[in-house]
């Protein structure tokens, strides 16, 4: 869950990782094309991820090392809008993978109907 120190409201958040296969046609998914072969499937691996937690005066972060990617969630301890946001970074190792798509789904208890706004890179 996420809660600001100065606000009693708590938002429950779950991060899910999913994979999509790609269509067997000559056009493949890539940097500018998303051509899935069907619905998303949950990402799974045999072992639980290795998790590292770092807390300090400038930031706190959680790094989870999965088999095919590394996820970092960081909170900066600075004033202003940078101190009110989460920085989520995913580093994907594509060296031994076939043409697959990895997706991150955020599940929250925010009551927004089916409305979600973001820019191209999910920064706003």
N, C-alpha and C. Protein backbone atom coordinates (compact mmCIF):
# COMPACT_ATOMS: atom_id res chain seq x y z
N UNK A 1 0.84 -1.18 0.00
CA UNK A 1 0.00 0.00 0.00
C UNK A 1 0.89 1.24 0.00
N UNK A 2 0.29 2.36 -0.36
CA UNK A 2 1.00 3.64 -0.41
C UNK A 2 0.25 4.63 0.47
N UNK A 3 1.00 5.34 1.32
CA UNK A 3 0.42 6.38 2.16
C UNK A 3 1.46 7.46 2.38
N UNK A 4 1.07 8.71 2.12
CA UNK A 4 1.96 9.83 2.41
C UNK A 4 1.99 10.07 3.91
N UNK A 5 3.11 10.55 4.42
CA UNK A 5 3.23 10.78 5.86
C UNK A 5 2.22 11.78 6.38
N UNK A 6 1.88 12.78 5.56
CA UNK A 6 0.98 13.84 6.01
C UNK A 6 -0.48 13.59 5.63
N UNK A 7 -0.82 12.39 5.18
CA UNK A 7 -2.18 12.09 4.72
C UNK A 7 -2.58 10.71 5.25
N UNK A 8 -3.70 10.61 5.97
CA UNK A 8 -4.09 9.31 6.52
C UNK A 8 -4.64 8.34 5.48
N UNK A 9 -4.97 8.84 4.28
CA UNK A 9 -5.53 7.95 3.25
C UNK A 9 -4.46 6.99 2.74
N UNK A 10 -4.85 5.72 2.65
CA UNK A 10 -3.95 4.68 2.17
C UNK A 10 -4.52 4.09 0.89
N UNK A 11 -3.66 3.88 -0.11
CA UNK A 11 -4.08 3.29 -1.38
C UNK A 11 -3.42 1.93 -1.49
N UNK A 12 -4.22 0.91 -1.68
CA UNK A 12 -3.69 -0.44 -1.85
C UNK A 12 -3.27 -0.61 -3.29
N UNK A 13 -2.07 -1.16 -3.51
CA UNK A 13 -1.51 -1.32 -4.85
C UNK A 13 -0.91 -2.72 -4.97
N UNK A 14 -1.21 -3.37 -6.08
CA UNK A 14 -0.59 -4.65 -6.39
C UNK A 14 0.01 -4.54 -7.78
N UNK A 15 1.25 -4.99 -7.94
CA UNK A 15 1.91 -5.00 -9.24
C UNK A 15 1.91 -6.44 -9.75
N UNK A 16 1.40 -6.62 -10.96
CA UNK A 16 1.38 -7.94 -11.59
C UNK A 16 2.20 -7.86 -12.88
N UNK A 17 2.96 -8.90 -13.16
CA UNK A 17 3.69 -8.97 -14.42
C UNK A 17 3.01 -10.01 -15.31
N UNK A 18 2.88 -9.68 -16.58
CA UNK A 18 2.20 -10.52 -17.56
C UNK A 18 3.07 -10.64 -18.80
N UNK A 19 2.83 -11.68 -19.58
CA UNK A 19 3.52 -11.81 -20.86
C UNK A 19 2.50 -12.04 -21.96
N UNK A 20 2.85 -11.57 -23.12
CA UNK A 20 2.08 -11.80 -24.34
C UNK A 20 2.99 -12.51 -25.33
N UNK A 21 2.45 -13.50 -26.04
CA UNK A 21 3.16 -14.06 -27.18
C UNK A 21 2.94 -13.13 -28.37
N UNK A 22 3.58 -13.44 -29.48
CA UNK A 22 3.40 -12.60 -30.67
C UNK A 22 2.80 -13.41 -31.81
N UNK A 23 2.18 -12.71 -32.71
CA UNK A 23 1.54 -13.36 -33.86
C UNK A 23 2.59 -14.07 -34.72
N UNK A 24 2.21 -15.17 -35.34
CA UNK A 24 3.17 -15.91 -36.17
C UNK A 24 3.38 -15.30 -37.56
N UNK A 25 2.83 -14.13 -37.83
CA UNK A 25 2.99 -13.51 -39.15
C UNK A 25 4.39 -12.95 -39.32
N UNK A 26 4.69 -12.43 -40.51
CA UNK A 26 6.02 -11.87 -40.76
C UNK A 26 6.26 -10.60 -39.97
N UNK A 27 5.18 -9.83 -39.68
CA UNK A 27 5.32 -8.63 -38.84
C UNK A 27 5.37 -9.07 -37.38
N UNK A 28 6.40 -8.68 -36.67
CA UNK A 28 6.56 -9.04 -35.27
C UNK A 28 6.41 -7.80 -34.40
N UNK A 29 6.05 -8.01 -33.15
CA UNK A 29 6.03 -6.91 -32.21
C UNK A 29 7.43 -6.35 -32.05
N UNK A 30 7.51 -5.09 -31.70
CA UNK A 30 8.80 -4.46 -31.51
C UNK A 30 8.64 -3.11 -30.85
N UNK A 31 9.59 -2.22 -31.10
CA UNK A 31 9.58 -0.91 -30.45
C UNK A 31 8.32 -0.11 -30.77
N UNK A 32 7.77 -0.27 -31.96
CA UNK A 32 6.61 0.54 -32.37
C UNK A 32 5.36 -0.28 -32.67
N UNK A 33 5.44 -1.60 -32.57
CA UNK A 33 4.29 -2.46 -32.87
C UNK A 33 3.99 -3.35 -31.67
N UNK A 34 2.72 -3.45 -31.34
CA UNK A 34 2.27 -4.40 -30.33
C UNK A 34 1.29 -5.33 -31.01
N UNK A 35 1.75 -6.52 -31.34
CA UNK A 35 0.96 -7.49 -32.09
C UNK A 35 0.85 -8.79 -31.30
N UNK A 36 0.04 -8.82 -30.24
CA UNK A 36 -0.04 -10.03 -29.42
C UNK A 36 -0.80 -11.14 -30.11
N UNK A 37 -0.53 -12.36 -29.68
CA UNK A 37 -1.22 -13.53 -30.24
C UNK A 37 -2.45 -13.91 -29.43
N UNK A 38 -2.81 -13.13 -28.45
CA UNK A 38 -3.98 -13.42 -27.62
C UNK A 38 -3.91 -12.65 -26.32
N UNK A 39 -4.62 -13.13 -25.33
CA UNK A 39 -4.66 -12.48 -24.03
C UNK A 39 -3.35 -12.67 -23.28
N UNK A 40 -3.12 -11.80 -22.30
CA UNK A 40 -1.92 -11.88 -21.47
C UNK A 40 -1.98 -13.11 -20.57
N UNK A 41 -0.80 -13.63 -20.27
CA UNK A 41 -0.67 -14.74 -19.33
C UNK A 41 0.20 -14.27 -18.17
N UNK A 42 -0.08 -14.72 -16.95
CA UNK A 42 0.75 -14.30 -15.82
C UNK A 42 2.21 -14.70 -16.02
N UNK A 43 3.12 -13.78 -15.69
CA UNK A 43 4.55 -14.11 -15.73
C UNK A 43 4.84 -15.05 -14.57
N UNK A 44 5.57 -16.11 -14.84
CA UNK A 44 5.92 -17.03 -13.76
C UNK A 44 7.36 -17.48 -13.92
N UNK A 45 7.96 -17.77 -12.80
CA UNK A 45 9.30 -18.33 -12.78
C UNK A 45 9.36 -19.34 -11.64
N UNK A 46 10.35 -20.19 -11.67
CA UNK A 46 10.41 -21.29 -10.71
C UNK A 46 10.71 -20.83 -9.29
N UNK A 47 11.57 -19.82 -9.15
CA UNK A 47 11.99 -19.38 -7.83
C UNK A 47 11.47 -17.98 -7.53
N UNK A 48 11.31 -17.69 -6.26
CA UNK A 48 10.89 -16.34 -5.86
C UNK A 48 12.01 -15.35 -6.21
N UNK A 49 11.67 -14.10 -6.48
CA UNK A 49 12.72 -13.13 -6.81
C UNK A 49 13.60 -12.84 -5.59
N UNK A 50 14.82 -12.45 -5.86
CA UNK A 50 15.73 -11.98 -4.81
C UNK A 50 15.41 -10.50 -4.62
N UNK A 51 15.18 -10.09 -3.38
CA UNK A 51 14.74 -8.73 -3.09
C UNK A 51 15.78 -8.04 -2.21
N UNK A 52 16.10 -6.78 -2.57
CA UNK A 52 17.03 -5.95 -1.79
C UNK A 52 16.30 -4.67 -1.42
N UNK A 53 16.36 -4.28 -0.13
CA UNK A 53 15.73 -3.05 0.35
C UNK A 53 16.84 -2.13 0.83
N UNK A 54 16.80 -0.87 0.37
CA UNK A 54 17.79 0.14 0.76
C UNK A 54 17.02 1.34 1.30
N UNK A 55 17.39 1.79 2.50
CA UNK A 55 16.80 3.00 3.07
C UNK A 55 17.91 3.94 3.48
N UNK A 56 17.77 5.20 3.09
CA UNK A 56 18.77 6.19 3.44
C UNK A 56 18.15 7.58 3.50
N UNK A 57 18.97 8.59 3.76
CA UNK A 57 18.43 9.94 3.90
C UNK A 57 17.96 10.55 2.58
N UNK A 58 18.46 10.10 1.44
CA UNK A 58 18.08 10.67 0.14
C UNK A 58 16.95 9.92 -0.54
N UNK A 59 16.90 8.60 -0.38
CA UNK A 59 15.85 7.81 -1.00
C UNK A 59 15.74 6.45 -0.31
N UNK A 60 14.64 5.77 -0.60
CA UNK A 60 14.44 4.39 -0.19
C UNK A 60 14.03 3.63 -1.43
N UNK A 61 14.53 2.40 -1.59
CA UNK A 61 14.18 1.64 -2.78
C UNK A 61 14.08 0.16 -2.46
N UNK A 62 13.29 -0.51 -3.29
CA UNK A 62 13.17 -1.96 -3.26
C UNK A 62 13.54 -2.45 -4.65
N UNK A 63 14.49 -3.38 -4.74
CA UNK A 63 14.92 -3.95 -6.02
C UNK A 63 14.60 -5.43 -5.98
N UNK A 64 13.83 -5.89 -6.97
CA UNK A 64 13.47 -7.30 -7.08
C UNK A 64 14.12 -7.87 -8.34
N UNK A 65 14.94 -8.90 -8.17
CA UNK A 65 15.64 -9.55 -9.29
C UNK A 65 14.87 -10.80 -9.69
N UNK A 66 14.23 -10.74 -10.85
CA UNK A 66 13.51 -11.88 -11.41
C UNK A 66 14.42 -12.58 -12.42
N UNK A 67 13.96 -13.68 -12.97
CA UNK A 67 14.77 -14.45 -13.92
C UNK A 67 15.06 -13.65 -15.19
N UNK A 68 14.08 -12.89 -15.71
CA UNK A 68 14.25 -12.20 -16.98
C UNK A 68 14.29 -10.68 -16.88
N UNK A 69 14.11 -10.14 -15.68
CA UNK A 69 14.12 -8.68 -15.53
C UNK A 69 14.40 -8.31 -14.08
N UNK A 70 14.68 -7.02 -13.91
CA UNK A 70 14.90 -6.45 -12.58
C UNK A 70 13.97 -5.26 -12.42
N UNK A 71 13.25 -5.22 -11.30
CA UNK A 71 12.33 -4.12 -11.03
C UNK A 71 12.86 -3.32 -9.84
N UNK A 72 12.91 -1.98 -10.00
CA UNK A 72 13.31 -1.07 -8.93
C UNK A 72 12.18 -0.09 -8.66
N UNK A 73 11.76 0.00 -7.41
CA UNK A 73 10.76 0.99 -6.98
C UNK A 73 11.47 1.90 -5.99
N UNK A 74 11.50 3.20 -6.31
CA UNK A 74 12.26 4.15 -5.49
C UNK A 74 11.37 5.32 -5.08
N UNK A 75 11.55 5.75 -3.82
CA UNK A 75 10.91 6.94 -3.30
C UNK A 75 12.02 7.90 -2.90
N UNK A 76 11.97 9.14 -3.43
CA UNK A 76 12.98 10.14 -3.12
C UNK A 76 12.54 10.95 -1.91
N UNK A 77 13.47 11.22 -1.00
CA UNK A 77 13.20 12.02 0.18
C UNK A 77 13.61 13.46 -0.11
N UNK A 78 12.83 14.13 -0.97
CA UNK A 78 13.12 15.51 -1.36
C UNK A 78 11.81 16.30 -1.34
N UNK A 79 11.89 17.60 -1.17
CA UNK A 79 10.66 18.40 -1.19
C UNK A 79 10.13 18.53 -2.62
N UNK A 80 8.85 18.89 -2.72
CA UNK A 80 8.26 19.13 -4.03
C UNK A 80 7.66 17.88 -4.64
N UNK A 81 7.34 17.99 -5.93
CA UNK A 81 6.64 16.90 -6.62
C UNK A 81 7.50 15.64 -6.73
N UNK A 82 8.81 15.77 -6.80
CA UNK A 82 9.67 14.57 -6.87
C UNK A 82 9.57 13.73 -5.60
N UNK A 83 9.30 14.37 -4.49
CA UNK A 83 9.14 13.63 -3.24
C UNK A 83 7.77 13.01 -3.07
N UNK A 84 6.85 13.31 -3.99
CA UNK A 84 5.49 12.76 -3.92
C UNK A 84 5.25 11.64 -4.90
N UNK A 85 6.26 11.22 -5.62
CA UNK A 85 6.06 10.22 -6.67
C UNK A 85 6.90 8.97 -6.43
N UNK A 86 6.49 7.91 -7.08
CA UNK A 86 7.25 6.66 -7.11
C UNK A 86 8.01 6.60 -8.42
N UNK A 87 9.23 6.17 -8.37
CA UNK A 87 10.03 5.96 -9.58
C UNK A 87 10.14 4.45 -9.77
N UNK A 88 9.50 3.93 -10.82
CA UNK A 88 9.51 2.49 -11.09
C UNK A 88 10.32 2.26 -12.37
N UNK A 89 11.35 1.44 -12.27
CA UNK A 89 12.21 1.13 -13.40
C UNK A 89 12.25 -0.38 -13.60
N UNK A 90 12.13 -0.80 -14.85
CA UNK A 90 12.24 -2.22 -15.20
C UNK A 90 13.38 -2.37 -16.20
N UNK A 91 14.34 -3.21 -15.88
CA UNK A 91 15.44 -3.54 -16.80
C UNK A 91 15.21 -4.97 -17.26
N UNK A 92 15.01 -5.16 -18.57
CA UNK A 92 14.67 -6.47 -19.11
C UNK A 92 15.88 -7.06 -19.81
N UNK A 93 16.19 -8.31 -19.52
CA UNK A 93 17.27 -9.03 -20.19
C UNK A 93 16.66 -9.77 -21.38
N UNK A 94 16.94 -9.32 -22.58
CA UNK A 94 16.33 -9.89 -23.78
C UNK A 94 17.26 -10.86 -24.51
N UNK A 95 18.40 -11.17 -23.94
CA UNK A 95 19.38 -11.98 -24.66
C UNK A 95 18.91 -13.39 -24.97
N UNK A 96 18.16 -14.02 -24.07
CA UNK A 96 17.78 -15.41 -24.32
C UNK A 96 16.28 -15.58 -24.55
N UNK A 97 15.61 -14.53 -24.97
CA UNK A 97 14.16 -14.58 -25.12
C UNK A 97 13.73 -14.60 -26.58
N UNK A 98 12.65 -15.33 -26.84
CA UNK A 98 11.99 -15.25 -28.13
C UNK A 98 11.18 -13.96 -28.15
N UNK A 99 10.51 -13.70 -29.22
CA UNK A 99 9.75 -12.47 -29.35
C UNK A 99 8.52 -12.52 -28.44
N UNK A 100 8.65 -11.95 -27.25
CA UNK A 100 7.57 -11.88 -26.26
C UNK A 100 7.44 -10.45 -25.80
N UNK A 101 6.28 -10.14 -25.23
CA UNK A 101 6.02 -8.83 -24.65
C UNK A 101 5.85 -9.00 -23.14
N UNK A 102 6.51 -8.15 -22.36
CA UNK A 102 6.36 -8.14 -20.91
C UNK A 102 5.54 -6.92 -20.56
N UNK A 103 4.52 -7.10 -19.72
CA UNK A 103 3.67 -5.99 -19.30
C UNK A 103 3.61 -5.94 -17.78
N UNK A 104 3.48 -4.73 -17.25
CA UNK A 104 3.30 -4.53 -15.82
C UNK A 104 1.90 -3.96 -15.60
N UNK A 105 1.11 -4.63 -14.79
CA UNK A 105 -0.26 -4.18 -14.50
C UNK A 105 -0.30 -3.69 -13.05
N UNK A 106 -0.88 -2.50 -12.85
CA UNK A 106 -1.09 -1.96 -11.51
C UNK A 106 -2.56 -2.14 -11.15
N UNK A 107 -2.80 -2.84 -10.04
CA UNK A 107 -4.15 -3.07 -9.55
C UNK A 107 -4.27 -2.27 -8.25
N UNK A 108 -5.23 -1.32 -8.20
CA UNK A 108 -5.41 -0.49 -7.02
C UNK A 108 -6.87 -0.49 -6.59
N UNK A 109 -7.11 0.09 -5.43
CA UNK A 109 -8.48 0.25 -4.97
C UNK A 109 -9.02 1.65 -5.27
N UNK A 110 -8.36 2.38 -6.16
CA UNK A 110 -8.82 3.70 -6.57
C UNK A 110 -10.10 3.54 -7.38
N UNK A 111 -11.14 4.27 -6.99
CA UNK A 111 -12.44 4.19 -7.65
C UNK A 111 -12.48 5.23 -8.78
N UNK A 112 -11.96 4.89 -9.96
CA UNK A 112 -11.93 5.83 -11.08
C UNK A 112 -12.77 5.33 -12.26
N UNK A 113 -13.59 4.32 -12.03
CA UNK A 113 -14.32 3.74 -13.15
C UNK A 113 -13.33 3.05 -14.07
N UNK A 114 -13.50 3.22 -15.34
CA UNK A 114 -12.56 2.66 -16.31
C UNK A 114 -11.66 3.74 -16.89
N UNK A 115 -11.45 4.85 -16.18
CA UNK A 115 -10.68 5.97 -16.69
C UNK A 115 -9.27 5.95 -16.12
N UNK A 116 -8.29 6.04 -17.01
CA UNK A 116 -6.88 6.11 -16.62
C UNK A 116 -6.17 7.01 -17.61
N UNK A 117 -5.46 8.01 -17.12
CA UNK A 117 -4.75 8.94 -17.97
C UNK A 117 -3.24 8.78 -17.78
N UNK A 118 -2.51 8.81 -18.87
CA UNK A 118 -1.06 8.79 -18.79
C UNK A 118 -0.49 9.38 -20.08
N UNK A 119 0.76 9.78 -20.03
CA UNK A 119 1.42 10.18 -21.26
C UNK A 119 2.06 8.92 -21.86
N UNK A 120 2.77 9.08 -22.94
CA UNK A 120 3.35 7.96 -23.67
C UNK A 120 4.24 7.08 -22.80
N UNK A 121 5.00 7.68 -21.88
CA UNK A 121 5.94 6.93 -21.06
C UNK A 121 5.44 6.69 -19.65
N UNK A 122 4.17 6.95 -19.38
CA UNK A 122 3.56 6.77 -18.05
C UNK A 122 4.21 7.66 -16.99
N UNK A 123 4.68 8.82 -17.40
CA UNK A 123 5.31 9.74 -16.44
C UNK A 123 4.29 10.65 -15.78
N UNK A 124 3.11 10.85 -16.36
CA UNK A 124 2.14 11.79 -15.78
C UNK A 124 0.76 11.15 -15.80
